[in-house]
Every structure is written in C-alpha cells, then in structure tokens.
C-alpha cells in the first residue's frame, strides 16, 4: 500500500515539473505585451465600458 502512495506522489510531482516547464516556456514564447501593442484601447473607453476603441 505504501508503494502505491509513493508512486502516486511521484507521479504528481512529475506532472508538476512537466506542467511548470510547459508554462515557463509558453510565457517566454507568448509575449503578453503584444496584446496591448496590437489592440490598443484608450483609458477613456475602458472607463466607459466600451469594448472597441472605434465606436465614435
């Protein structure tokens, strides 16, 4: 029974390492600043609740 617990805990640790590595490299590859550079929304449209900056 103890062997099953050790196997389960080891598997969860391995999943955490793989998931952490995946997230680390995805955050490096996907530049989050591109969203503000490509789709610029002014501060006034955010405060009014508008979803698009070209409403008029």
PDB file of N, CA and C in Angstrom:
ATOM      1  N   UNK A   1       0.819  -1.204   0.000  1.00  0.00           N
ATOM      2  CA  UNK A   1       0.000   0.000   0.000  1.00  0.00           C
ATOM      3  C   UNK A   1       0.863   1.268   0.000  1.00  0.00           C
ATOM      4  N   UNK A   2       1.970   1.196   0.726  1.00  0.00           N
ATOM      5  CA  UNK A   2       2.865   2.355   0.772  1.00  0.00           C
ATOM      6  C   UNK A   2       3.495   2.592  -0.599  1.00  0.00           C
ATOM      7  N   UNK A   3       3.737   1.512  -1.322  1.00  0.00           N
ATOM      8  CA  UNK A   3       4.307   1.645  -2.656  1.00  0.00           C
ATOM      9  C   UNK A   3       3.392   2.400  -3.601  1.00  0.00           C
ATOM     10  N   UNK A   4       2.093   2.174  -3.472  1.00  0.00           N
ATOM     11  CA  UNK A   4       1.128   2.891  -4.305  1.00  0.00           C
ATOM     12  C   UNK A   4       1.109   4.384  -3.974  1.00  0.00           C
ATOM     13  N   UNK A   5       1.222   4.712  -2.691  1.00  0.00           N
ATOM     14  CA  UNK A   5       1.257   6.127  -2.297  1.00  0.00           C
ATOM     15  C   UNK A   5       2.508   6.807  -2.831  1.00  0.00           C
ATOM     16  N   UNK A   6       3.633   6.133  -2.738  1.00  0.00           N
ATOM     17  CA  UNK A   6       4.887   6.698  -3.245  1.00  0.00           C
ATOM     18  C   UNK A   6       4.805   6.890  -4.753  1.00  0.00           C
ATOM     19  N   UNK A   7       4.221   5.914  -5.456  1.00  0.00           N
ATOM     20  CA  UNK A   7       4.068   6.028  -6.898  1.00  0.00           C
ATOM     21  C   UNK A   7       3.162   7.193  -7.259  1.00  0.00           C
ATOM     22  N   UNK A   8       2.058   7.330  -6.548  1.00  0.00           N
ATOM     23  CA  UNK A   8       1.109   8.417  -6.819  1.00  0.00           C
ATOM     24  C   UNK A   8       1.735   9.781  -6.553  1.00  0.00           C
ATOM     25  N   UNK A   9       2.410   9.912  -5.434  1.00  0.00           N
ATOM     26  CA  UNK A   9       3.036  11.190  -5.098  1.00  0.00           C
ATOM     27  C   UNK A   9       4.141  11.515  -6.098  1.00  0.00           C
ATOM     28  N   UNK A  10       4.913  10.525  -6.500  1.00  0.00           N
ATOM     29  CA  UNK A  10       5.955  10.742  -7.503  1.00  0.00           C
ATOM     30  C   UNK A  10       5.378  11.157  -8.839  1.00  0.00           C
ATOM     31  N   UNK A  11       4.257  10.537  -9.218  1.00  0.00           N
ATOM     32  CA  UNK A  11       3.596  10.891 -10.474  1.00  0.00           C
ATOM     33  C   UNK A  11       3.083  12.324 -10.439  1.00  0.00           C
ATOM     34  N   UNK A  12       2.508  12.731  -9.328  1.00  0.00           N
ATOM     35  CA  UNK A  12       2.007  14.102  -9.193  1.00  0.00           C
ATOM     36  C   UNK A  12       3.165  15.100  -9.249  1.00  0.00           C
ATOM     37  N   UNK A  13       4.290  14.752  -8.633  1.00  0.00           N
ATOM     38  CA  UNK A  13       5.453  15.636  -8.689  1.00  0.00           C
ATOM     39  C   UNK A  13       5.969  15.751 -10.123  1.00  0.00           C
ATOM     40  N   UNK A  14       6.008  14.624 -10.836  1.00  0.00           N
ATOM     41  CA  UNK A  14       6.453  14.657 -12.238  1.00  0.00           C
ATOM     42  C   UNK A  14       5.507  15.493 -13.099  1.00  0.00           C
ATOM     43  N   UNK A  15       4.208  15.363 -12.879  1.00  0.00           N
ATOM     44  CA  UNK A  15       3.246  16.185 -13.608  1.00  0.00           C
ATOM     45  C   UNK A  15       3.453  17.664 -13.309  1.00  0.00           C
ATOM     46  N   UNK A  16       3.748  17.988 -12.073  1.00  0.00           N
ATOM     47  CA  UNK A  16       4.003  19.379 -11.704  1.00  0.00           C
ATOM     48  C   UNK A  16       5.241  19.930 -12.384  1.00  0.00           C
ATOM     49  N   UNK A  17       6.278  19.112 -12.466  1.00  0.00           N
ATOM     50  CA  UNK A  17       7.505  19.559 -13.126  1.00  0.00           C
ATOM     51  C   UNK A  17       7.269  19.770 -14.613  1.00  0.00           C
ATOM     52  N   UNK A  18       6.578  18.830 -15.247  1.00  0.00           N
ATOM     53  CA  UNK A  18       6.289  18.966 -16.681  1.00  0.00           C
ATOM     54  C   UNK A  18       5.378  20.165 -16.936  1.00  0.00           C
ATOM     55  N   UNK A  19       4.351  20.330 -16.120  1.00  0.00           N
ATOM     56  CA  UNK A  19       3.440  21.466 -16.280  1.00  0.00           C
ATOM     57  C   UNK A  19       4.137  22.792 -16.042  1.00  0.00           C
ATOM     58  N   UNK A  20       4.981  22.855 -15.023  1.00  0.00           N
ATOM     59  CA  UNK A  20       5.719  24.084 -14.748  1.00  0.00           C
ATOM     60  C   UNK A  20       6.669  24.441 -15.876  1.00  0.00           C
ATOM     61  N   UNK A  21       7.330  23.428 -16.445  1.00  0.00           N
ATOM     62  CA  UNK A  21       8.225  23.665 -17.574  1.00  0.00           C
ATOM     63  C   UNK A  21       7.442  24.160 -18.784  1.00  0.00           C
ATOM     64  N   UNK A  22       6.297  23.565 -19.037  1.00  0.00           N
ATOM     65  CA  UNK A  22       5.457  23.983 -20.159  1.00  0.00           C
ATOM     66  C   UNK A  22       5.010  25.432 -19.996  1.00  0.00           C
ATOM     67  N   UNK A  23       4.518  25.782 -18.828  1.00  0.00           N
ATOM     68  CA  UNK A  23       4.059  27.148 -18.578  1.00  0.00           C
ATOM     69  C   UNK A  23       5.229  28.131 -18.668  1.00  0.00           C
ATOM     70  N   UNK A  24       6.382  27.747 -18.151  1.00  0.00           N
ATOM     71  CA  UNK A  24       7.559  28.628 -18.196  1.00  0.00           C
ATOM     72  C   UNK A  24       7.928  28.979 -19.637  1.00  0.00           C
ATOM     73  N   UNK A  25       8.008  27.971 -20.493  1.00  0.00           N
ATOM     74  CA  UNK A  25       8.409  28.237 -21.866  1.00  0.00           C
ATOM     75  C   UNK A  25       7.288  28.890 -22.678  1.00  0.00           C
ATOM     76  N   UNK A  26       6.029  28.597 -22.377  1.00  0.00           N
ATOM     77  CA  UNK A  26       4.936  29.279 -23.069  1.00  0.00           C
ATOM     78  C   UNK A  26       4.895  30.760 -22.710  1.00  0.00           C
ATOM     79  N   UNK A  27       5.146  31.097 -21.457  1.00  0.00           N
ATOM     80  CA  UNK A  27       5.164  32.510 -21.064  1.00  0.00           C
ATOM     81  C   UNK A  27       6.296  33.252 -21.748  1.00  0.00           C
ATOM     82  N   UNK A  28       7.409  32.567 -21.988  1.00  0.00           N
ATOM     83  CA  UNK A  28       8.513  33.196 -22.693  1.00  0.00           C
ATOM     84  C   UNK A  28       8.231  33.364 -24.172  1.00  0.00           C
ATOM     85  N   UNK A  29       7.530  32.407 -24.762  1.00  0.00           N
ATOM     86  CA  UNK A  29       7.264  32.441 -26.200  1.00  0.00           C
ATOM     87  C   UNK A  29       6.114  33.378 -26.546  1.00  0.00           C
ATOM     88  N   UNK A  30       5.114  33.445 -25.692  1.00  0.00           N
ATOM     89  CA  UNK A  30       3.949  34.294 -25.946  1.00  0.00           C
ATOM     90  C   UNK A  30       4.124  35.599 -25.185  1.00  0.00           C
ATOM     91  N   UNK A  31       4.506  36.627 -25.898  1.00  0.00           N
ATOM     92  CA  UNK A  31       4.768  37.929 -25.287  1.00  0.00           C
ATOM     93  C   UNK A  31       3.438  38.594 -24.940  1.00  0.00           C
ATOM     94  N   UNK A  32       3.190  38.799 -23.654  1.00  0.00           N
ATOM     95  CA  UNK A  32       1.909  39.367 -23.233  1.00  0.00           C
ATOM     96  C   UNK A  32       1.781  40.850 -23.575  1.00  0.00           C
ATOM     97  N   UNK A  33       2.882  41.520 -23.863  1.00  0.00           N
ATOM     98  CA  UNK A  33       2.807  42.933 -24.238  1.00  0.00           C
ATOM     99  C   UNK A  33       2.281  43.127 -25.651  1.00  0.00           C
ATOM    100  N   UNK A  34       2.281  42.078 -26.457  1.00  0.00           N
ATOM    101  CA  UNK A  34       1.748  42.178 -27.813  1.00  0.00           C
ATOM    102  C   UNK A  34       0.259  42.511 -27.818  1.00  0.00           C
ATOM    103  N   UNK A  35      -0.465  42.070 -26.803  1.00  0.00           N
ATOM    104  CA  UNK A  35      -1.903  42.327 -26.786  1.00  0.00           C
ATOM    105  C   UNK A  35      -2.205  43.816 -26.671  1.00  0.00           C
ATOM    106  N   UNK A  36      -1.411  44.547 -25.932  1.00  0.00           N
ATOM    107  CA  UNK A  36      -1.656  45.993 -25.818  1.00  0.00           C
ATOM    108  C   UNK A  36      -1.076  46.746 -27.003  1.00  0.00           C
ATOM    109  N   UNK A  37      -0.042  46.201 -27.626  1.00  0.00           N
ATOM    110  CA  UNK A  37       0.553  46.865 -28.777  1.00  0.00           C
ATOM    111  C   UNK A  37      -0.327  46.695 -30.014  1.00  0.00           C
ATOM    112  N   UNK A  38      -0.924  45.527 -30.187  1.00  0.00           N
ATOM    113  CA  UNK A  38      -1.721  45.237 -31.375  1.00  0.00           C
ATOM    114  C   UNK A  38      -3.134  45.797 -31.242  1.00  0.00           C
ATOM    115  N   UNK A  39      -3.773  45.597 -30.086  1.00  0.00           N
ATOM    116  CA  UNK A  39      -5.159  46.015 -29.879  1.00  0.00           C
ATOM    117  C   UNK A  39      -5.190  47.104 -28.819  1.00  0.00           C
ATOM    118  N   UNK A  40      -4.870  48.322 -29.229  1.00  0.00           N
ATOM    119  CA  UNK A  40      -4.782  49.413 -28.266  1.00  0.00           C
ATOM    120  C   UNK A  40      -6.176  49.915 -27.900  1.00  0.00           C
ATOM    121  N   UNK A  41      -6.427  49.999 -26.611  1.00  0.00           N
ATOM    122  CA  UNK A  41      -7.683  50.524 -26.091  1.00  0.00           C
ATOM    123  C   UNK A  41      -7.336  51.700 -25.192  1.00  0.00           C
ATOM    124  N   UNK A  42      -7.961  52.824 -25.434  1.00  0.00           N
ATOM    125  CA  UNK A  42      -7.647  54.003 -24.636  1.00  0.00           C
ATOM    126  C   UNK A  42      -8.257  53.871 -23.242  1.00  0.00           C
ATOM    127  N   UNK A  43      -7.730  54.640 -22.306  1.00  0.00           N
ATOM    128  CA  UNK A  43      -8.213  54.596 -20.932  1.00  0.00           C
ATOM    129  C   UNK A  43      -9.649  55.099 -20.826  1.00  0.00           C
ATOM    130  N   UNK A  44     -10.056  56.036 -21.685  1.00  0.00           N
ATOM    131  CA  UNK A  44     -11.422  56.557 -21.601  1.00  0.00           C
ATOM    132  C   UNK A  44     -12.430  55.499 -22.031  1.00  0.00           C
ATOM    133  N   UNK A  45     -12.101  54.689 -23.024  1.00  0.00           N
ATOM    134  CA  UNK A  45     -13.048  53.665 -23.447  1.00  0.00           C
ATOM    135  C   UNK A  45     -13.154  52.556 -22.411  1.00  0.00           C
ATOM    136  N   UNK A  46     -12.082  52.320 -21.663  1.00  0.00           N
ATOM    137  CA  UNK A  46     -12.140  51.318 -20.600  1.00  0.00           C
ATOM    138  C   UNK A  46     -13.031  51.813 -19.467  1.00  0.00           C
ATOM    139  N   UNK A  47     -12.901  53.087 -19.108  1.00  0.00           N
ATOM    140  CA  UNK A  47     -13.701  53.617 -18.005  1.00  0.00           C
ATOM    141  C   UNK A  47     -15.181  53.726 -18.381  1.00  0.00           C
ATOM    142  N   UNK A  48     -15.494  53.910 -19.687  1.00  0.00           N
ATOM    143  CA  UNK A  48     -16.887  53.958 -20.130  1.00  0.00           C
ATOM    144  C   UNK A  48     -17.480  52.578 -20.299  1.00  0.00           C
ATOM    145  N   UNK A  49     -16.627  51.561 -20.362  1.00  0.00           N
ATOM    146  CA  UNK A  49     -17.114  50.204 -20.549  1.00  0.00           C
ATOM    147  C   UNK A  49     -17.240  49.821 -22.000  1.00  0.00           C
ATOM    148  N   UNK A  50     -16.676  50.591 -22.914  1.00  0.00           N
ATOM    149  CA  UNK A  50     -16.736  50.256 -24.348  1.00  0.00           C
ATOM    150  C   UNK A  50     -15.785  49.101 -24.635  1.00  0.00           C
ATOM    151  N   UNK A  51     -16.178  48.257 -25.575  1.00  0.00           N
ATOM    152  CA  UNK A  51     -15.321  47.127 -25.908  1.00  0.00           C
ATOM    153  C   UNK A  51     -14.422  47.413 -27.093  1.00  0.00           C
ATOM    154  N   UNK A  52     -14.805  48.354 -27.958  1.00  0.00           N
ATOM    155  CA  UNK A  52     -13.957  48.658 -29.095  1.00  0.00           C
ATOM    156  C   UNK A  52     -13.628  50.142 -29.105  1.00  0.00           C
ATOM    157  N   UNK A  53     -12.386  50.481 -29.480  1.00  0.00           N
ATOM    158  CA  UNK A  53     -11.975  51.884 -29.423  1.00  0.00           C
ATOM    159  C   UNK A  53     -12.486  52.712 -30.595  1.00  0.00           C
ATOM    160  N   UNK A  54     -13.180  52.103 -31.577  1.00  0.00           N
ATOM    161  CA  UNK A  54     -13.624  52.838 -32.765  1.00  0.00           C
ATOM    162  C   UNK A  54     -15.129  53.048 -32.766  1.00  0.00           C
ATOM    163  N   UNK A  55     -15.761  53.140 -31.591  1.00  0.00           N
ATOM    164  CA  UNK A  55     -17.220  53.343 -31.530  1.00  0.00           C
ATOM    165  C   UNK A  55     -17.646  54.738 -31.961  1.00  0.00           C
ATOM    166  N   UNK A  56     -16.749  55.673 -31.847  1.00  0.00           N
ATOM    167  CA  UNK A  56     -17.112  57.042 -32.208  1.00  0.00           C
ATOM    168  C   UNK A  56     -17.268  57.878 -31.065  1.00  0.00           C
TER     169      UNK A  56
END
